């Protein structure tokens, strides 16, 4: 191990990798905290601090090499990207997608329901007349699929997406049919 510590390029690489791991844990802890996964966030914080102490110790012991500090900083930036990519792949939670389409269109909400989405729709009036407004609940991992589906059904739809902080009761959570959502492709509609 001491041989690796005495090799400058190996040290730069180790510091870079350790900081990527540290900041990935930090990012995941932050995201889990925001999403309400307290115990998972606590687990990530333990791992984060263990890796942080090791990484910081390596940098502080080797401050004589400016490249170690640069490797630490670059590892920090890459760690944020890695953490966000992991969270994006996990896609925890739900999204509410508000869709407004032209005219009074009763068919599109039913098409989306048949695909497995929870849809509440109503009619509203905009500048150019009557519109159909839909509020659609979907697991986050199906966001892109839902967007492609909506664009396939109406390429001029106005879409706003947000993440709810609390969902309680009703048809919403039970009504989202994950198996059905996973089975179809937007292009097949």
N, C-alpha and C. Protein backbone atom coordinates (compact mmCIF):
# COMPACT_ATOMS: atom_id res chain seq x y z
N UNK A 1 0.82 -1.20 0.00
CA UNK A 1 0.00 0.00 0.00
C UNK A 1 0.87 1.26 0.00
N UNK A 2 1.94 1.22 0.76
CA UNK A 2 2.85 2.38 0.83
C UNK A 2 3.46 2.67 -0.54
N UNK A 3 3.69 1.62 -1.32
CA UNK A 3 4.24 1.79 -2.67
C UNK A 3 3.29 2.59 -3.55
N UNK A 4 1.99 2.32 -3.43
CA UNK A 4 0.99 3.06 -4.19
C UNK A 4 0.96 4.51 -3.74
N UNK A 5 1.06 4.74 -2.42
CA UNK A 5 1.02 6.09 -1.87
C UNK A 5 2.21 6.93 -2.34
N UNK A 6 3.31 6.28 -2.63
CA UNK A 6 4.51 7.01 -3.07
C UNK A 6 4.52 7.27 -4.57
N UNK A 7 3.60 6.68 -5.30
CA UNK A 7 3.53 6.87 -6.75
C UNK A 7 2.56 8.03 -7.03
N UNK A 8 3.05 9.16 -7.57
CA UNK A 8 2.22 10.36 -7.72
C UNK A 8 0.97 10.17 -8.59
N UNK A 9 1.09 9.45 -9.69
CA UNK A 9 -0.06 9.27 -10.59
C UNK A 9 -1.10 8.37 -9.94
N UNK A 10 -0.65 7.34 -9.25
CA UNK A 10 -1.58 6.46 -8.54
C UNK A 10 -2.31 7.24 -7.46
N UNK A 11 -1.61 8.12 -6.78
CA UNK A 11 -2.22 8.92 -5.72
C UNK A 11 -3.29 9.86 -6.29
N UNK A 12 -2.98 10.48 -7.42
CA UNK A 12 -3.96 11.36 -8.08
C UNK A 12 -5.21 10.56 -8.44
N UNK A 13 -5.02 9.39 -9.01
CA UNK A 13 -6.15 8.54 -9.40
C UNK A 13 -6.97 8.11 -8.19
N UNK A 14 -6.31 7.69 -7.12
CA UNK A 14 -7.00 7.25 -5.91
C UNK A 14 -7.82 8.40 -5.32
N UNK A 15 -7.24 9.58 -5.23
CA UNK A 15 -7.95 10.74 -4.69
C UNK A 15 -9.17 11.06 -5.56
N UNK A 16 -8.98 11.01 -6.86
CA UNK A 16 -10.07 11.29 -7.80
C UNK A 16 -11.22 10.30 -7.59
N UNK A 17 -10.91 9.01 -7.55
CA UNK A 17 -11.93 7.97 -7.41
C UNK A 17 -12.61 8.04 -6.03
N UNK A 18 -11.82 8.24 -4.98
CA UNK A 18 -12.38 8.32 -3.64
C UNK A 18 -13.36 9.50 -3.56
N UNK A 19 -13.02 10.61 -4.17
CA UNK A 19 -13.92 11.76 -4.10
C UNK A 19 -15.18 11.54 -4.95
N UNK A 20 -15.07 10.83 -6.06
CA UNK A 20 -16.27 10.49 -6.83
C UNK A 20 -17.22 9.66 -5.96
N UNK A 21 -16.67 8.67 -5.28
CA UNK A 21 -17.50 7.82 -4.41
C UNK A 21 -18.11 8.65 -3.29
N UNK A 22 -17.30 9.50 -2.65
CA UNK A 22 -17.79 10.34 -1.56
C UNK A 22 -18.94 11.24 -2.01
N UNK A 23 -18.76 11.94 -3.11
CA UNK A 23 -19.78 12.89 -3.54
C UNK A 23 -21.01 12.16 -4.11
N UNK A 24 -20.82 10.99 -4.66
CA UNK A 24 -21.97 10.20 -5.08
C UNK A 24 -22.82 9.87 -3.86
N UNK A 25 -22.21 9.43 -2.78
CA UNK A 25 -22.95 9.17 -1.55
C UNK A 25 -23.61 10.44 -1.02
N UNK A 26 -22.88 11.55 -1.05
CA UNK A 26 -23.42 12.83 -0.59
C UNK A 26 -24.66 13.21 -1.41
N UNK A 27 -24.58 13.08 -2.72
CA UNK A 27 -25.71 13.41 -3.59
C UNK A 27 -26.88 12.50 -3.32
N UNK A 28 -26.63 11.21 -3.19
CA UNK A 28 -27.70 10.26 -2.93
C UNK A 28 -28.34 10.53 -1.56
N UNK A 29 -27.52 10.87 -0.57
CA UNK A 29 -28.06 11.19 0.76
C UNK A 29 -28.97 12.40 0.68
N UNK A 30 -28.54 13.42 -0.02
CA UNK A 30 -29.35 14.63 -0.16
C UNK A 30 -30.68 14.33 -0.85
N UNK A 31 -30.63 13.57 -1.91
CA UNK A 31 -31.85 13.23 -2.65
C UNK A 31 -32.78 12.38 -1.80
N UNK A 32 -32.23 11.40 -1.11
CA UNK A 32 -33.05 10.54 -0.25
C UNK A 32 -33.68 11.35 0.89
N UNK A 33 -32.95 12.31 1.43
CA UNK A 33 -33.50 13.17 2.47
C UNK A 33 -34.67 13.98 1.92
N UNK A 34 -34.50 14.56 0.74
CA UNK A 34 -35.56 15.37 0.13
C UNK A 34 -36.80 14.54 -0.21
N UNK A 35 -36.60 13.28 -0.54
CA UNK A 35 -37.72 12.41 -0.91
C UNK A 35 -38.35 11.72 0.30
N UNK A 36 -37.78 11.94 1.49
CA UNK A 36 -38.37 11.39 2.70
C UNK A 36 -37.89 10.01 3.10
N UNK A 37 -36.85 9.50 2.46
CA UNK A 37 -36.29 8.20 2.83
C UNK A 37 -35.23 8.40 3.92
N UNK A 38 -35.68 8.64 5.14
CA UNK A 38 -34.79 9.04 6.24
C UNK A 38 -33.72 8.00 6.55
N UNK A 39 -34.13 6.74 6.66
CA UNK A 39 -33.18 5.71 7.09
C UNK A 39 -32.18 5.38 5.98
N UNK A 40 -32.64 5.41 4.76
CA UNK A 40 -31.72 5.21 3.64
C UNK A 40 -30.72 6.37 3.60
N UNK A 41 -31.23 7.59 3.82
CA UNK A 41 -30.35 8.77 3.85
C UNK A 41 -29.32 8.65 4.97
N UNK A 42 -29.75 8.15 6.13
CA UNK A 42 -28.81 7.97 7.25
C UNK A 42 -27.73 6.96 6.89
N UNK A 43 -28.13 5.88 6.20
CA UNK A 43 -27.14 4.88 5.76
C UNK A 43 -26.13 5.48 4.79
N UNK A 44 -26.63 6.27 3.84
CA UNK A 44 -25.73 6.93 2.90
C UNK A 44 -24.80 7.90 3.63
N UNK A 45 -25.30 8.57 4.67
CA UNK A 45 -24.45 9.53 5.38
C UNK A 45 -23.30 8.84 6.10
N UNK A 46 -23.54 7.65 6.63
CA UNK A 46 -22.46 6.90 7.28
C UNK A 46 -21.38 6.55 6.26
N UNK A 47 -21.80 6.02 5.11
CA UNK A 47 -20.84 5.68 4.05
C UNK A 47 -20.12 6.93 3.54
N UNK A 48 -20.89 8.00 3.38
CA UNK A 48 -20.33 9.26 2.89
C UNK A 48 -19.20 9.75 3.79
N UNK A 49 -19.43 9.76 5.09
CA UNK A 49 -18.42 10.28 6.02
C UNK A 49 -17.20 9.36 6.08
N UNK A 50 -17.41 8.04 6.02
CA UNK A 50 -16.26 7.13 6.00
C UNK A 50 -15.35 7.42 4.80
N UNK A 51 -15.96 7.54 3.63
CA UNK A 51 -15.18 7.80 2.42
C UNK A 51 -14.58 9.21 2.46
N UNK A 52 -15.32 10.17 3.00
CA UNK A 52 -14.85 11.56 3.08
C UNK A 52 -13.58 11.66 3.93
N UNK A 53 -13.59 11.02 5.09
CA UNK A 53 -12.43 11.07 5.99
C UNK A 53 -11.21 10.46 5.31
N UNK A 54 -11.41 9.35 4.62
CA UNK A 54 -10.29 8.71 3.91
C UNK A 54 -9.76 9.63 2.82
N UNK A 55 -10.66 10.16 2.00
CA UNK A 55 -10.26 11.03 0.89
C UNK A 55 -9.59 12.30 1.35
N UNK A 56 -10.19 12.95 2.36
CA UNK A 56 -9.61 14.19 2.87
C UNK A 56 -8.24 13.93 3.49
N UNK A 57 -8.14 12.80 4.19
CA UNK A 57 -6.84 12.43 4.78
C UNK A 57 -5.77 12.26 3.71
N UNK A 58 -6.13 11.61 2.60
CA UNK A 58 -5.17 11.43 1.51
C UNK A 58 -4.73 12.78 0.93
N UNK A 59 -5.66 13.68 0.75
CA UNK A 59 -5.33 14.99 0.18
C UNK A 59 -4.48 15.79 1.16
N UNK A 60 -4.88 15.83 2.43
CA UNK A 60 -4.13 16.62 3.41
C UNK A 60 -2.72 16.07 3.64
N UNK A 61 -2.58 14.75 3.54
CA UNK A 61 -1.25 14.16 3.69
C UNK A 61 -0.36 14.42 2.48
N UNK A 62 -0.96 14.80 1.37
CA UNK A 62 -0.21 14.98 0.13
C UNK A 62 -0.48 16.34 -0.51
N UNK A 63 -0.57 17.37 0.32
CA UNK A 63 -0.82 18.72 -0.18
C UNK A 63 0.36 19.29 -0.98
N UNK A 64 1.50 18.65 -0.88
CA UNK A 64 2.67 19.14 -1.61
C UNK A 64 2.50 18.99 -3.13
N UNK A 65 1.56 18.16 -3.57
CA UNK A 65 1.32 17.98 -5.00
C UNK A 65 0.00 18.65 -5.36
N UNK A 66 0.09 19.73 -6.13
CA UNK A 66 -1.08 20.50 -6.54
C UNK A 66 -2.07 19.64 -7.32
N UNK A 67 -1.60 18.66 -8.04
CA UNK A 67 -2.48 17.79 -8.83
C UNK A 67 -3.41 16.94 -7.95
N UNK A 68 -3.00 16.67 -6.72
CA UNK A 68 -3.87 15.96 -5.79
C UNK A 68 -5.11 16.79 -5.46
N UNK A 69 -4.88 18.09 -5.27
CA UNK A 69 -5.99 19.00 -4.98
C UNK A 69 -6.90 19.11 -6.21
N UNK A 70 -6.32 19.19 -7.39
CA UNK A 70 -7.11 19.24 -8.63
C UNK A 70 -7.92 17.94 -8.79
N UNK A 71 -7.29 16.80 -8.50
CA UNK A 71 -7.99 15.51 -8.59
C UNK A 71 -9.16 15.48 -7.62
N UNK A 72 -8.97 16.04 -6.42
CA UNK A 72 -10.03 16.10 -5.43
C UNK A 72 -11.21 16.94 -5.95
N UNK A 73 -10.90 18.09 -6.52
CA UNK A 73 -11.94 18.99 -7.04
C UNK A 73 -12.66 18.36 -8.24
N UNK A 74 -11.93 17.76 -9.16
CA UNK A 74 -12.55 17.11 -10.32
C UNK A 74 -13.41 15.92 -9.88
N UNK A 75 -12.93 15.17 -8.91
CA UNK A 75 -13.70 14.05 -8.38
C UNK A 75 -15.01 14.52 -7.77
N UNK A 76 -14.99 15.69 -7.15
CA UNK A 76 -16.20 16.26 -6.58
C UNK A 76 -17.24 16.51 -7.68
N UNK A 77 -16.83 17.16 -8.75
CA UNK A 77 -17.75 17.45 -9.86
C UNK A 77 -18.27 16.19 -10.52
N UNK A 78 -17.41 15.24 -10.78
CA UNK A 78 -17.83 13.98 -11.41
C UNK A 78 -18.75 13.20 -10.47
N UNK A 79 -18.48 13.26 -9.16
CA UNK A 79 -19.33 12.57 -8.19
C UNK A 79 -20.75 13.09 -8.20
N UNK A 80 -20.92 14.39 -8.37
CA UNK A 80 -22.28 14.95 -8.44
C UNK A 80 -22.99 14.39 -9.67
N UNK A 81 -22.32 14.36 -10.79
CA UNK A 81 -22.93 13.84 -12.02
C UNK A 81 -23.29 12.36 -11.84
N UNK A 82 -22.38 11.58 -11.27
CA UNK A 82 -22.64 10.15 -11.06
C UNK A 82 -23.83 9.95 -10.12
N UNK A 83 -23.89 10.71 -9.03
CA UNK A 83 -25.00 10.60 -8.09
C UNK A 83 -26.33 10.93 -8.73
N UNK A 84 -26.35 11.98 -9.54
CA UNK A 84 -27.59 12.37 -10.22
C UNK A 84 -28.00 11.33 -11.26
N UNK A 85 -27.03 10.75 -11.96
CA UNK A 85 -27.35 9.70 -12.94
C UNK A 85 -27.94 8.47 -12.24
N UNK A 86 -27.37 8.11 -11.10
CA UNK A 86 -27.90 6.96 -10.34
C UNK A 86 -29.33 7.25 -9.90
N UNK A 87 -29.57 8.45 -9.39
CA UNK A 87 -30.92 8.81 -8.95
C UNK A 87 -31.89 8.82 -10.13
N UNK A 88 -31.42 9.28 -11.26
CA UNK A 88 -32.25 9.30 -12.47
C UNK A 88 -32.62 7.87 -12.89
N UNK A 89 -31.68 6.94 -12.77
CA UNK A 89 -31.96 5.55 -13.11
C UNK A 89 -32.93 4.92 -12.10
N UNK A 90 -32.79 5.27 -10.82
CA UNK A 90 -33.70 4.75 -9.80
C UNK A 90 -35.10 5.33 -9.98
N UNK A 91 -35.18 6.60 -10.36
CA UNK A 91 -36.44 7.31 -10.62
C UNK A 91 -37.47 7.04 -9.52
N UNK A 92 -37.13 7.42 -8.31
CA UNK A 92 -38.01 7.17 -7.17
C UNK A 92 -39.19 8.14 -7.17
N UNK A 93 -40.33 7.68 -6.73
CA UNK A 93 -41.48 8.54 -6.54
C UNK A 93 -42.37 8.65 -7.76
N UNK A 94 -43.25 9.62 -7.70
CA UNK A 94 -44.26 9.84 -8.73
C UNK A 94 -44.13 11.24 -9.30
N UNK A 95 -44.73 11.44 -10.44
CA UNK A 95 -44.86 12.75 -11.06
C UNK A 95 -46.33 13.00 -11.35
N UNK A 96 -46.70 14.26 -11.28
CA UNK A 96 -48.00 14.68 -11.77
C UNK A 96 -47.73 15.48 -13.03
N UNK A 97 -48.41 15.10 -14.08
CA UNK A 97 -48.24 15.76 -15.37
C UNK A 97 -49.58 16.42 -15.72
N UNK A 98 -49.55 17.74 -15.86
CA UNK A 98 -50.74 18.47 -16.28
C UNK A 98 -50.65 18.67 -17.79
N UNK A 99 -51.68 18.24 -18.49
CA UNK A 99 -51.70 18.32 -19.95
C UNK A 99 -52.94 19.09 -20.37
N UNK A 100 -52.75 20.07 -21.23
CA UNK A 100 -53.87 20.81 -21.79
C UNK A 100 -53.86 20.60 -23.30
N UNK A 101 -55.02 20.19 -23.83
CA UNK A 101 -55.13 19.96 -25.27
C UNK A 101 -56.31 20.76 -25.82
N UNK A 102 -56.27 21.01 -27.09
CA UNK A 102 -57.32 21.79 -27.75
C UNK A 102 -58.65 21.06 -27.73
N UNK A 103 -59.70 21.82 -27.57
CA UNK A 103 -61.05 21.28 -27.72
C UNK A 103 -61.47 20.39 -26.59
N UNK A 104 -62.67 19.87 -26.74
CA UNK A 104 -63.26 18.97 -25.75
C UNK A 104 -63.01 17.55 -26.24
N UNK A 105 -61.95 16.94 -25.71
CA UNK A 105 -61.48 15.64 -26.22
C UNK A 105 -61.66 14.57 -25.14
N UNK A 106 -62.78 13.84 -25.13
CA UNK A 106 -62.98 12.82 -24.10
C UNK A 106 -62.20 11.54 -24.36
N UNK A 107 -61.69 11.34 -25.57
CA UNK A 107 -61.04 10.08 -25.92
C UNK A 107 -59.62 9.96 -25.35
N UNK A 108 -58.84 11.04 -25.38
CA UNK A 108 -57.45 10.97 -24.94
C UNK A 108 -57.32 10.57 -23.47
N UNK A 109 -58.13 11.13 -22.54
CA UNK A 109 -58.02 10.66 -21.15
C UNK A 109 -58.29 9.16 -21.02
N UNK A 110 -59.27 8.66 -21.76
CA UNK A 110 -59.57 7.22 -21.70
C UNK A 110 -58.45 6.38 -22.30
N UNK A 111 -57.82 6.87 -23.38
CA UNK A 111 -56.69 6.15 -23.96
C UNK A 111 -55.56 6.03 -22.93
N UNK A 112 -55.28 7.12 -22.22
CA UNK A 112 -54.22 7.09 -21.21
C UNK A 112 -54.59 6.19 -20.04
N UNK A 113 -55.84 6.21 -19.63
CA UNK A 113 -56.29 5.30 -18.56
C UNK A 113 -56.12 3.85 -18.98
N UNK A 114 -56.48 3.55 -20.22
CA UNK A 114 -56.36 2.17 -20.72
C UNK A 114 -54.90 1.71 -20.78
N UNK A 115 -53.98 2.66 -20.89
CA UNK A 115 -52.56 2.31 -20.88
C UNK A 115 -52.03 2.10 -19.46
N UNK A 116 -52.82 2.49 -18.44
CA UNK A 116 -52.42 2.25 -17.06
C UNK A 116 -52.17 3.49 -16.23
N UNK A 117 -52.34 4.68 -16.78
CA UNK A 117 -52.10 5.91 -16.03
C UNK A 117 -53.32 6.30 -15.22
N UNK A 118 -53.09 6.96 -14.10
CA UNK A 118 -54.18 7.56 -13.34
C UNK A 118 -54.45 8.93 -13.94
N UNK A 119 -55.66 9.15 -14.45
CA UNK A 119 -55.98 10.40 -15.15
C UNK A 119 -57.25 11.00 -14.56
N UNK A 120 -57.17 12.27 -14.21
CA UNK A 120 -58.36 13.05 -13.88
C UNK A 120 -58.44 14.12 -14.95
N UNK A 121 -59.62 14.28 -15.56
CA UNK A 121 -59.72 15.31 -16.59
C UNK A 121 -60.95 16.17 -16.38
N UNK A 122 -60.86 17.36 -16.92
CA UNK A 122 -61.96 18.31 -16.85
C UNK A 122 -61.85 19.25 -18.03
N UNK A 123 -62.88 20.03 -18.23
CA UNK A 123 -62.90 20.97 -19.35
C UNK A 123 -62.71 22.37 -18.81
N UNK A 124 -61.91 23.14 -19.50
CA UNK A 124 -61.61 24.51 -19.08
C UNK A 124 -61.68 25.41 -20.31
N UNK A 125 -61.58 26.70 -20.07
CA UNK A 125 -61.62 27.66 -21.18
C UNK A 125 -60.34 28.47 -21.20
N UNK A 126 -59.70 28.51 -22.35
CA UNK A 126 -58.50 29.29 -22.55
C UNK A 126 -58.78 30.45 -23.48
N UNK A 127 -57.76 31.12 -23.92
CA UNK A 127 -57.90 32.27 -24.81
C UNK A 127 -58.64 31.92 -26.09
N UNK A 128 -58.35 30.74 -26.62
CA UNK A 128 -58.94 30.33 -27.89
C UNK A 128 -60.12 29.36 -27.75
N UNK A 129 -60.73 29.31 -26.57
CA UNK A 129 -61.91 28.47 -26.41
C UNK A 129 -61.73 27.32 -25.45
N UNK A 130 -62.59 26.33 -25.61
CA UNK A 130 -62.64 25.20 -24.70
C UNK A 130 -61.42 24.29 -24.85
N UNK A 131 -60.94 23.78 -23.73
CA UNK A 131 -59.78 22.89 -23.67
C UNK A 131 -60.11 21.70 -22.78
N UNK A 132 -59.38 20.61 -23.01
CA UNK A 132 -59.42 19.48 -22.10
C UNK A 132 -58.14 19.54 -21.27
N UNK A 133 -58.30 19.49 -19.96
CA UNK A 133 -57.15 19.52 -19.05
C UNK A 133 -57.11 18.18 -18.34
N UNK A 134 -55.94 17.57 -18.33
CA UNK A 134 -55.76 16.28 -17.67
C UNK A 134 -54.68 16.39 -16.60
N UNK A 135 -54.94 15.76 -15.50
CA UNK A 135 -53.95 15.62 -14.45
C UNK A 135 -53.62 14.14 -14.40
N UNK A 136 -52.35 13.80 -14.70
CA UNK A 136 -51.96 12.40 -14.86
C UNK A 136 -50.90 12.05 -13.82
N UNK A 137 -51.12 10.96 -13.13
CA UNK A 137 -50.15 10.46 -12.17
C UNK A 137 -49.35 9.34 -12.82
N UNK A 138 -48.03 9.40 -12.68
CA UNK A 138 -47.18 8.35 -13.23
C UNK A 138 -45.96 8.14 -12.35
N UNK A 139 -45.48 6.91 -12.23
CA UNK A 139 -44.18 6.71 -11.59
C UNK A 139 -43.11 7.47 -12.39
N UNK A 140 -42.14 8.04 -11.70
CA UNK A 140 -41.11 8.85 -12.37
C UNK A 140 -40.39 8.10 -13.48
N UNK A 141 -40.23 6.79 -13.32
CA UNK A 141 -39.48 6.07 -14.33
C UNK A 141 -40.20 5.98 -15.67
N UNK A 142 -41.49 6.32 -15.69
CA UNK A 142 -42.25 6.32 -16.94
C UNK A 142 -42.49 7.72 -17.50
N UNK A 143 -41.80 8.70 -16.98
CA UNK A 143 -42.00 10.09 -17.43
C UNK A 143 -41.76 10.24 -18.94
N UNK A 144 -40.64 9.78 -19.42
CA UNK A 144 -40.33 9.93 -20.85
C UNK A 144 -41.33 9.18 -21.73
N UNK A 145 -41.73 8.02 -21.26
CA UNK A 145 -42.71 7.22 -22.00
C UNK A 145 -44.05 7.96 -22.08
N UNK A 146 -44.46 8.55 -20.96
CA UNK A 146 -45.71 9.31 -20.95
C UNK A 146 -45.61 10.51 -21.88
N UNK A 147 -44.49 11.23 -21.83
CA UNK A 147 -44.31 12.40 -22.71
C UNK A 147 -44.40 11.98 -24.18
N UNK A 148 -43.74 10.89 -24.53
CA UNK A 148 -43.77 10.41 -25.92
C UNK A 148 -45.19 10.00 -26.30
N UNK A 149 -45.92 9.39 -25.36
CA UNK A 149 -47.30 8.98 -25.63
C UNK A 149 -48.19 10.18 -25.87
N UNK A 150 -48.07 11.19 -25.02
CA UNK A 150 -48.88 12.40 -25.18
C UNK A 150 -48.57 13.07 -26.51
N UNK A 151 -47.30 13.17 -26.85
CA UNK A 151 -46.92 13.80 -28.13
C UNK A 151 -47.40 12.97 -29.32
N UNK A 152 -47.45 11.66 -29.14
CA UNK A 152 -47.97 10.79 -30.20
C UNK A 152 -49.47 11.01 -30.40
N UNK A 153 -50.19 11.23 -29.29
CA UNK A 153 -51.63 11.43 -29.36
C UNK A 153 -52.00 12.87 -29.76
N UNK A 154 -51.20 13.84 -29.31
CA UNK A 154 -51.44 15.25 -29.65
C UNK A 154 -50.12 16.00 -29.57
N UNK A 155 -49.52 16.24 -30.73
CA UNK A 155 -48.20 16.87 -30.75
C UNK A 155 -48.21 18.34 -30.35
N UNK A 156 -49.39 18.93 -30.17
CA UNK A 156 -49.49 20.34 -29.77
C UNK A 156 -49.91 20.49 -28.31
N UNK A 157 -49.92 19.41 -27.56
CA UNK A 157 -50.33 19.45 -26.16
C UNK A 157 -49.40 20.34 -25.34
N UNK A 158 -49.99 21.08 -24.41
CA UNK A 158 -49.23 21.90 -23.46
C UNK A 158 -49.03 21.06 -22.21
N UNK A 159 -47.78 20.85 -21.79
CA UNK A 159 -47.47 19.90 -20.72
C UNK A 159 -46.66 20.58 -19.62
N UNK A 160 -47.07 20.37 -18.37
CA UNK A 160 -46.32 20.83 -17.20
C UNK A 160 -46.16 19.63 -16.28
N UNK A 161 -44.95 19.42 -15.79
CA UNK A 161 -44.67 18.28 -14.91
C UNK A 161 -44.17 18.79 -13.56
N UNK A 162 -44.62 18.16 -12.49
CA UNK A 162 -44.09 18.47 -11.17
C UNK A 162 -44.14 17.23 -10.29
N UNK A 163 -43.35 17.28 -9.24
CA UNK A 163 -43.25 16.16 -8.32
C UNK A 163 -44.07 16.46 -7.07
N UNK A 164 -45.10 15.66 -6.78
CA UNK A 164 -45.90 15.91 -5.58
C UNK A 164 -45.11 15.56 -4.32
N UNK A 165 -45.36 16.29 -3.25
CA UNK A 165 -44.67 15.99 -2.00
C UNK A 165 -45.44 15.00 -1.15
N UNK A 166 -46.74 14.87 -1.42
CA UNK A 166 -47.56 13.96 -0.63
C UNK A 166 -48.71 13.45 -1.49
N UNK A 167 -48.95 12.16 -1.45
CA UNK A 167 -50.09 11.56 -2.13
C UNK A 167 -50.84 10.75 -1.09
N UNK A 168 -52.14 10.95 -1.01
CA UNK A 168 -52.91 10.25 0.00
C UNK A 168 -54.26 9.81 -0.56
N UNK A 169 -54.56 8.54 -0.42
CA UNK A 169 -55.87 8.00 -0.72
C UNK A 169 -56.28 8.04 -2.18
N UNK A 170 -57.54 7.73 -2.37
CA UNK A 170 -58.12 7.79 -3.70
C UNK A 170 -57.64 6.70 -4.63
N UNK A 171 -58.01 6.87 -5.86
CA UNK A 171 -57.69 5.92 -6.92
C UNK A 171 -56.25 6.06 -7.39
N UNK A 172 -55.64 7.21 -7.14
CA UNK A 172 -54.36 7.57 -7.73
C UNK A 172 -53.29 6.50 -7.60
N UNK A 173 -52.91 6.20 -6.38
CA UNK A 173 -51.80 5.27 -6.19
C UNK A 173 -52.18 3.87 -6.62
N UNK A 174 -53.41 3.44 -6.29
CA UNK A 174 -53.86 2.12 -6.71
C UNK A 174 -54.10 2.07 -8.21
N UNK A 175 -54.47 3.21 -8.79
CA UNK A 175 -54.87 3.25 -10.19
C UNK A 175 -53.73 3.20 -11.18
N UNK A 176 -52.51 3.47 -10.74
CA UNK A 176 -51.39 3.43 -11.66
C UNK A 176 -51.02 1.97 -11.88
N UNK A 177 -51.19 1.51 -13.06
CA UNK A 177 -50.97 0.10 -13.40
C UNK A 177 -49.57 -0.08 -13.99
N UNK A 178 -48.62 -0.37 -13.12
CA UNK A 178 -47.22 -0.46 -13.54
C UNK A 178 -46.99 -1.50 -14.63
N UNK A 179 -47.65 -2.64 -14.53
CA UNK A 179 -47.45 -3.67 -15.55
C UNK A 179 -47.91 -3.19 -16.91
N UNK A 180 -49.07 -2.55 -16.94
CA UNK A 180 -49.57 -2.02 -18.21
C UNK A 180 -48.66 -0.93 -18.74
N UNK A 181 -48.17 -0.07 -17.86
CA UNK A 181 -47.28 1.00 -18.28
C UNK A 181 -45.99 0.45 -18.89
N UNK A 182 -45.49 -0.62 -18.33
CA UNK A 182 -44.25 -1.20 -18.82
C UNK A 182 -44.42 -1.91 -20.16
N UNK A 183 -45.61 -2.37 -20.47
CA UNK A 183 -45.81 -3.24 -21.62
C UNK A 183 -45.96 -2.53 -22.97
N UNK A 184 -46.41 -1.30 -23.00
CA UNK A 184 -46.68 -0.68 -24.29
C UNK A 184 -45.54 0.23 -24.75
N UNK A 185 -45.50 0.52 -26.01
CA UNK A 185 -44.56 1.47 -26.59
C UNK A 185 -45.37 2.59 -27.25
N UNK A 186 -44.98 3.87 -27.03
CA UNK A 186 -45.76 4.99 -27.58
C UNK A 186 -45.96 4.93 -29.09
N UNK A 187 -44.97 4.42 -29.80
CA UNK A 187 -45.05 4.38 -31.26
C UNK A 187 -46.13 3.39 -31.75
N UNK A 188 -46.55 2.47 -30.87
CA UNK A 188 -47.53 1.45 -31.26
C UNK A 188 -48.97 1.95 -31.16
N UNK A 189 -49.17 3.15 -30.70
CA UNK A 189 -50.55 3.66 -30.51
C UNK A 189 -51.22 3.96 -31.81
